[in-house]
Amino acid sequence: MAELSTLARPYAKAAFEFARDASSLAEWSTMLATAAQASQQDKLAELLSSPALTSAQQAKTLADVCGDALNDKGLNFISALADNKRLALLPYIQQQFELLRSQQEQRVDVEVISAFELTEQEQARLREALTRKLSREVDMQSRVDAGLLGGVIVRAGDTVIDGSVRGRLTKLVDAINH
């Protein structure tokens, strides 16, 4: 997986820089998401990796599936990926593009896992606290995990804040044992 991410990085960076310079980050996000999702469909993924098709045919096949979601620049990008036998990297390119976009826009996607449904007021307070702590605009998604005894677990990229009762008990046990 790390190897595919490494191969995808220059393509994601090139797409990001082009989109940033053209002030079309949102449009490119949509195009890449559509192409990445389409490329992962079993039958289409099989066609896109088929040696029976030329790179131009592979690019056209993907473009046809994506339809109007791709503009001329997006079609050129897909063609370049096909020419370099890199269409399978689309999900990794899209993921890295979104990471670069988040950094550019000073925002972060945060997942909050709680034992119970959070109220709107609790979510707003948590979003405000995370915005201060992370120094970024927070796009927060929350979900319930009945397996938690209480508290919350917050995931923001590589950062995990475990404020669950289970997490606190584990820290207490570790402190007592050491």
C-alpha atoms as a PDB file:
ATOM      1  CA  MET A   1       0.000   0.000   0.000  1.00  0.00           C
ATOM      2  CA  ALA A   2       2.820   2.412   0.811  1.00  0.00           C
ATOM      3  CA  GLU A   3       4.312   1.752  -2.620  1.00  0.00           C
ATOM      4  CA  LEU A   4       1.063   2.707  -4.377  1.00  0.00           C
ATOM      5  CA  SER A   5       0.826   5.872  -2.289  1.00  0.00           C
ATOM      6  CA  THR A   6       4.388   6.734  -3.250  1.00  0.00           C
ATOM      7  CA  LEU A   7       3.618   6.226  -6.935  1.00  0.00           C
ATOM      8  CA  ALA A   8       0.455   8.323  -6.623  1.00  0.00           C
ATOM      9  CA  ARG A   9       2.110  11.276  -4.880  1.00  0.00           C
ATOM     10  CA  PRO A  10       3.542  13.086  -7.943  1.00  0.00           C
ATOM     11  CA  TYR A  11       0.251  12.756  -9.821  1.00  0.00           C
ATOM     12  CA  ALA A  12      -1.727  14.056  -6.849  1.00  0.00           C
ATOM     13  CA  LYS A  13       0.687  16.943  -6.422  1.00  0.00           C
ATOM     14  CA  ALA A  14       0.524  17.840 -10.124  1.00  0.00           C
ATOM     15  CA  ALA A  15      -3.289  17.733 -10.124  1.00  0.00           C
ATOM     16  CA  PHE A  16      -3.404  19.776  -6.918  1.00  0.00           C
ATOM     17  CA  GLU A  17      -1.014  22.451  -8.185  1.00  0.00           C
ATOM     18  CA  PHE A  18      -2.921  22.749 -11.458  1.00  0.00           C
ATOM     19  CA  ALA A  19      -6.279  22.946  -9.644  1.00  0.00           C
ATOM     20  CA  ARG A  20      -4.960  25.454  -7.105  1.00  0.00           C
ATOM     21  CA  ASP A  21      -3.516  27.698  -9.824  1.00  0.00           C
ATOM     22  CA  ALA A  22      -6.798  27.482 -11.766  1.00  0.00           C
ATOM     23  CA  SER A  23      -8.854  28.146  -8.590  1.00  0.00           C
ATOM     24  CA  SER A  24     -10.752  24.912  -9.175  1.00  0.00           C
ATOM     25  CA  LEU A  25      -9.926  22.752  -6.150  1.00  0.00           C
ATOM     26  CA  ALA A  26     -13.562  21.812  -5.523  1.00  0.00           C
ATOM     27  CA  GLU A  27     -14.124  20.882  -9.165  1.00  0.00           C
ATOM     28  CA  TRP A  28     -10.998  18.700  -9.209  1.00  0.00           C
ATOM     29  CA  SER A  29     -12.041  17.062  -5.933  1.00  0.00           C
ATOM     30  CA  THR A  30     -15.324  16.060  -7.552  1.00  0.00           C
ATOM     31  CA  MET A  31     -13.661  14.834 -10.741  1.00  0.00           C
ATOM     32  CA  LEU A  32     -11.062  12.774  -8.900  1.00  0.00           C
ATOM     33  CA  ALA A  33     -13.649  11.321  -6.517  1.00  0.00           C
ATOM     34  CA  THR A  34     -15.860  10.278  -9.427  1.00  0.00           C
ATOM     35  CA  ALA A  35     -12.991   8.759 -11.408  1.00  0.00           C
ATOM     36  CA  ALA A  36     -11.568   7.001  -8.344  1.00  0.00           C
ATOM     37  CA  GLN A  37     -14.920   5.523  -7.404  1.00  0.00           C
ATOM     38  CA  ALA A  38     -15.603   4.390 -10.963  1.00  0.00           C
ATOM     39  CA  SER A  39     -12.151   2.843 -11.324  1.00  0.00           C
ATOM     40  CA  GLN A  40     -12.763   0.658  -8.274  1.00  0.00           C
ATOM     41  CA  GLN A  41     -15.842  -1.050  -9.692  1.00  0.00           C
ATOM     42  CA  ASP A  42     -14.890  -4.680 -10.269  1.00  0.00           C
ATOM     43  CA  LYS A  43     -15.748  -5.008 -13.966  1.00  0.00           C
ATOM     44  CA  LEU A  44     -14.351  -1.603 -14.862  1.00  0.00           C
ATOM     45  CA  ALA A  45     -11.146  -2.212 -12.878  1.00  0.00           C
ATOM     46  CA  GLU A  46     -10.712  -5.428 -14.832  1.00  0.00           C
ATOM     47  CA  LEU A  47     -11.165  -3.580 -18.146  1.00  0.00           C
ATOM     48  CA  LEU A  48      -8.798  -0.791 -17.139  1.00  0.00           C
ATOM     49  CA  SER A  49      -6.028  -3.256 -16.365  1.00  0.00           C
ATOM     50  CA  SER A  50      -6.649  -5.410 -19.435  1.00  0.00           C
ATOM     51  CA  PRO A  51      -3.666  -5.660 -21.791  1.00  0.00           C
ATOM     52  CA  ALA A  52      -6.156  -6.152 -24.636  1.00  0.00           C
ATOM     53  CA  LEU A  53      -7.053  -2.447 -24.513  1.00  0.00           C
ATOM     54  CA  THR A  54      -4.720   0.357 -25.535  1.00  0.00           C
ATOM     55  CA  SER A  55      -4.142   3.175 -23.076  1.00  0.00           C
ATOM     56  CA  ALA A  56      -6.368   5.420 -25.211  1.00  0.00           C
ATOM     57  CA  GLN A  57      -9.166   2.837 -25.048  1.00  0.00           C
ATOM     58  CA  GLN A  58      -8.753   2.511 -21.284  1.00  0.00           C
ATOM     59  CA  ALA A  59      -8.925   6.293 -20.841  1.00  0.00           C
ATOM     60  CA  LYS A  60     -11.985   6.517 -23.108  1.00  0.00           C
ATOM     61  CA  THR A  61     -13.713   3.702 -21.220  1.00  0.00           C
ATOM     62  CA  LEU A  62     -13.210   5.456 -17.894  1.00  0.00           C
ATOM     63  CA  ALA A  63     -14.188   8.818 -19.382  1.00  0.00           C
ATOM     64  CA  ASP A  64     -17.387   7.320 -20.795  1.00  0.00           C
ATOM     65  CA  VAL A  65     -18.323   5.905 -17.395  1.00  0.00           C
ATOM     66  CA  CYS A  66     -17.614   9.233 -15.664  1.00  0.00           C
ATOM     67  CA  GLY A  67     -19.600  11.153 -18.265  1.00  0.00           C
ATOM     68  CA  ASP A  68     -19.955  14.888 -17.706  1.00  0.00           C
ATOM     69  CA  ALA A  69     -18.177  14.691 -14.328  1.00  0.00           C
ATOM     70  CA  LEU A  70     -14.847  15.174 -16.151  1.00  0.00           C
ATOM     71  CA  ASN A  71     -13.990  18.403 -17.933  1.00  0.00           C
ATOM     72  CA  ASP A  72     -11.335  18.662 -20.671  1.00  0.00           C
ATOM     73  CA  LYS A  73      -8.495  19.008 -18.152  1.00  0.00           C
ATOM     74  CA  GLY A  74      -9.778  16.024 -16.193  1.00  0.00           C
ATOM     75  CA  LEU A  75      -9.928  13.979 -19.398  1.00  0.00           C
ATOM     76  CA  ASN A  76      -6.327  14.958 -20.153  1.00  0.00           C
ATOM     77  CA  PHE A  77      -5.308  13.863 -16.663  1.00  0.00           C
ATOM     78  CA  ILE A  78      -7.031  10.498 -17.103  1.00  0.00           C
ATOM     79  CA  SER A  79      -5.310  10.089 -20.480  1.00  0.00           C
ATOM     80  CA  ALA A  80      -1.913  10.826 -18.927  1.00  0.00           C
ATOM     81  CA  LEU A  81      -2.564   8.255 -16.203  1.00  0.00           C
ATOM     82  CA  ALA A  82      -3.597   5.688 -18.820  1.00  0.00           C
ATOM     83  CA  ASP A  83      -0.516   6.403 -20.943  1.00  0.00           C
ATOM     84  CA  ASN A  84       1.669   5.755 -17.898  1.00  0.00           C
ATOM     85  CA  LYS A  85      -0.317   2.655 -16.820  1.00  0.00           C
ATOM     86  CA  ARG A  86      -1.367   4.399 -13.607  1.00  0.00           C
ATOM     87  CA  LEU A  87      -5.183   4.317 -13.692  1.00  0.00           C
ATOM     88  CA  ALA A  88      -5.174   1.898 -10.742  1.00  0.00           C
ATOM     89  CA  LEU A  89      -3.664   4.706  -8.648  1.00  0.00           C
ATOM     90  CA  LEU A  90      -6.771   6.906  -8.902  1.00  0.00           C
ATOM     91  CA  PRO A  91      -8.053   6.135  -5.364  1.00  0.00           C
ATOM     92  CA  TYR A  92      -4.615   6.952  -3.907  1.00  0.00           C
ATOM     93  CA  ILE A  93      -4.289  10.085  -6.033  1.00  0.00           C
ATOM     94  CA  GLN A  94      -7.715  11.252  -4.896  1.00  0.00           C
ATOM     95  CA  GLN A  95      -6.875  10.592  -1.243  1.00  0.00           C
ATOM     96  CA  GLN A  96      -3.589  12.512  -1.434  1.00  0.00           C
ATOM     97  CA  PHE A  97      -5.225  15.336  -3.405  1.00  0.00           C
ATOM     98  CA  GLU A  98      -7.768  15.739  -0.601  1.00  0.00           C
ATOM     99  CA  LEU A  99      -4.990  15.815   1.982  1.00  0.00           C
ATOM    100  CA  LEU A 100      -3.193  18.568   0.059  1.00  0.00           C
ATOM    101  CA  ARG A 101      -6.466  20.458  -0.322  1.00  0.00           C
ATOM    102  CA  SER A 102      -7.174  20.214   3.412  1.00  0.00           C
ATOM    103  CA  GLN A 103      -3.735  21.597   4.196  1.00  0.00           C
ATOM    104  CA  GLN A 104      -4.202  24.423   1.706  1.00  0.00           C
ATOM    105  CA  GLU A 105      -7.623  25.338   3.062  1.00  0.00           C
ATOM    106  CA  GLN A 106      -6.509  24.983   6.692  1.00  0.00           C
ATOM    107  CA  ARG A 107      -9.188  22.431   7.491  1.00  0.00           C
ATOM    108  CA  VAL A 108      -9.155  18.918   8.860  1.00  0.00           C
ATOM    109  CA  ASP A 109     -11.605  16.030   8.707  1.00  0.00           C
ATOM    110  CA  VAL A 110     -12.373  14.726  12.177  1.00  0.00           C
ATOM    111  CA  GLU A 111     -14.217  11.569  13.174  1.00  0.00           C
ATOM    112  CA  VAL A 112     -15.793  11.519  16.629  1.00  0.00           C
ATOM    113  CA  ILE A 113     -16.841   8.165  18.049  1.00  0.00           C
ATOM    114  CA  SER A 114     -19.017   8.279  21.148  1.00  0.00           C
ATOM    115  CA  ALA A 115     -20.937   5.847  23.320  1.00  0.00           C
ATOM    116  CA  PHE A 116     -24.156   7.814  22.802  1.00  0.00           C
ATOM    117  CA  GLU A 117     -25.530  10.210  20.188  1.00  0.00           C
ATOM    118  CA  LEU A 118     -24.073  13.699  20.728  1.00  0.00           C
ATOM    119  CA  THR A 119     -26.498  16.610  20.880  1.00  0.00           C
ATOM    120  CA  GLU A 120     -26.090  19.559  18.516  1.00  0.00           C
ATOM    121  CA  GLN A 121     -24.821  21.660  21.417  1.00  0.00           C
ATOM    122  CA  GLU A 122     -22.220  19.020  22.389  1.00  0.00           C
ATOM    123  CA  GLN A 123     -21.083  18.726  18.787  1.00  0.00           C
ATOM    124  CA  ALA A 124     -20.751  22.505  18.486  1.00  0.00           C
ATOM    125  CA  ARG A 125     -18.685  22.729  21.706  1.00  0.00           C
ATOM    126  CA  LEU A 126     -16.480  19.840  20.606  1.00  0.00           C
ATOM    127  CA  ARG A 127     -16.006  21.360  17.130  1.00  0.00           C
ATOM    128  CA  GLU A 128     -15.038  24.696  18.706  1.00  0.00           C
ATOM    129  CA  ALA A 129     -12.549  23.049  21.105  1.00  0.00           C
ATOM    130  CA  LEU A 130     -11.001  20.991  18.288  1.00  0.00           C
ATOM    131  CA  THR A 131     -10.729  24.071  16.059  1.00  0.00           C
ATOM    132  CA  ARG A 132      -8.733  25.816  18.815  1.00  0.00           C
ATOM    133  CA  LYS A 133      -6.571  22.754  19.552  1.00  0.00           C
ATOM    134  CA  LEU A 134      -5.810  21.877  15.918  1.00  0.00           C
ATOM    135  CA  SER A 135      -5.642  25.498  14.655  1.00  0.00           C
ATOM    136  CA  ARG A 136      -7.744  24.510  11.655  1.00  0.00           C
ATOM    137  CA  GLU A 137     -11.339  24.553  10.517  1.00  0.00           C
ATOM    138  CA  VAL A 138     -12.897  21.243  11.555  1.00  0.00           C
ATOM    139  CA  ASP A 139     -15.182  19.147   9.341  1.00  0.00           C
ATOM    140  CA  MET A 140     -16.651  16.787  11.906  1.00  0.00           C
ATOM    141  CA  GLN A 141     -18.405  13.468  11.373  1.00  0.00           C
ATOM    142  CA  SER A 142     -19.742  11.619  14.386  1.00  0.00           C
ATOM    143  CA  ARG A 143     -20.871   8.072  14.930  1.00  0.00           C
ATOM    144  CA  VAL A 144     -21.994   5.953  17.837  1.00  0.00           C
ATOM    145  CA  ASP A 145     -20.119   2.877  19.060  1.00  0.00           C
ATOM    146  CA  ALA A 146     -22.192   1.080  21.683  1.00  0.00           C
ATOM    147  CA  GLY A 147     -19.030  -0.823  22.679  1.00  0.00           C
ATOM    148  CA  LEU A 148     -17.663   2.293  24.376  1.00  0.00           C
ATOM    149  CA  LEU A 149     -18.539   2.631  28.045  1.00  0.00           C
ATOM    150  CA  GLY A 150     -18.560   6.417  27.876  1.00  0.00           C
ATOM    151  CA  GLY A 151     -16.578   9.385  26.623  1.00  0.00           C
ATOM    152  CA  VAL A 152     -15.381   9.929  23.073  1.00  0.00           C
ATOM    153  CA  ILE A 153     -12.581   8.976  20.702  1.00  0.00           C
ATOM    154  CA  VAL A 154     -11.474  11.680  18.261  1.00  0.00           C
ATOM    155  CA  ARG A 155      -9.551  10.887  15.069  1.00  0.00           C
ATOM    156  CA  ALA A 156      -8.050  13.734  13.083  1.00  0.00           C
ATOM    157  CA  GLY A 157      -5.688  12.376  10.447  1.00  0.00           C
ATOM    158  CA  ASP A 158      -2.881  10.591  12.293  1.00  0.00           C
ATOM    159  CA  THR A 159      -3.895  12.100  15.632  1.00  0.00           C
ATOM    160  CA  VAL A 160      -6.092  10.051  17.957  1.00  0.00           C
ATOM    161  CA  ILE A 161      -7.448  11.484  21.187  1.00  0.00           C
ATOM    162  CA  ASP A 162      -8.868   8.699  23.323  1.00  0.00           C
ATOM    163  CA  GLY A 163     -11.157  10.259  25.909  1.00  0.00           C
ATOM    164  CA  SER A 164     -13.195   7.095  26.323  1.00  0.00           C
ATOM    165  CA  VAL A 165     -13.704   5.475  29.717  1.00  0.00           C
ATOM    166  CA  ARG A 166     -12.014   2.332  28.400  1.00  0.00           C
ATOM    167  CA  GLY A 167      -9.002   4.386  27.235  1.00  0.00           C
ATOM    168  CA  ARG A 168      -8.706   6.106  30.594  1.00  0.00           C
ATOM    169  CA  LEU A 169      -8.940   2.793  32.449  1.00  0.00           C
ATOM    170  CA  THR A 170      -6.211   1.336  30.224  1.00  0.00           C
ATOM    171  CA  LYS A 171      -3.949   4.317  31.009  1.00  0.00           C
ATOM    172  CA  LEU A 172      -4.645   3.892  34.722  1.00  0.00           C
ATOM    173  CA  VAL A 173      -3.777   0.164  34.600  1.00  0.00           C
ATOM    174  CA  ASP A 174      -0.559   0.960  32.696  1.00  0.00           C
ATOM    175  CA  ALA A 175       0.377   3.623  35.268  1.00  0.00           C
ATOM    176  CA  ILE A 176      -0.225   1.226  38.158  1.00  0.00           C
ATOM    177  CA  ASN A 177       1.796  -1.565  36.504  1.00  0.00           C
ATOM    178  CA  HIS A 178       4.821   0.657  35.836  1.00  0.00           C
END
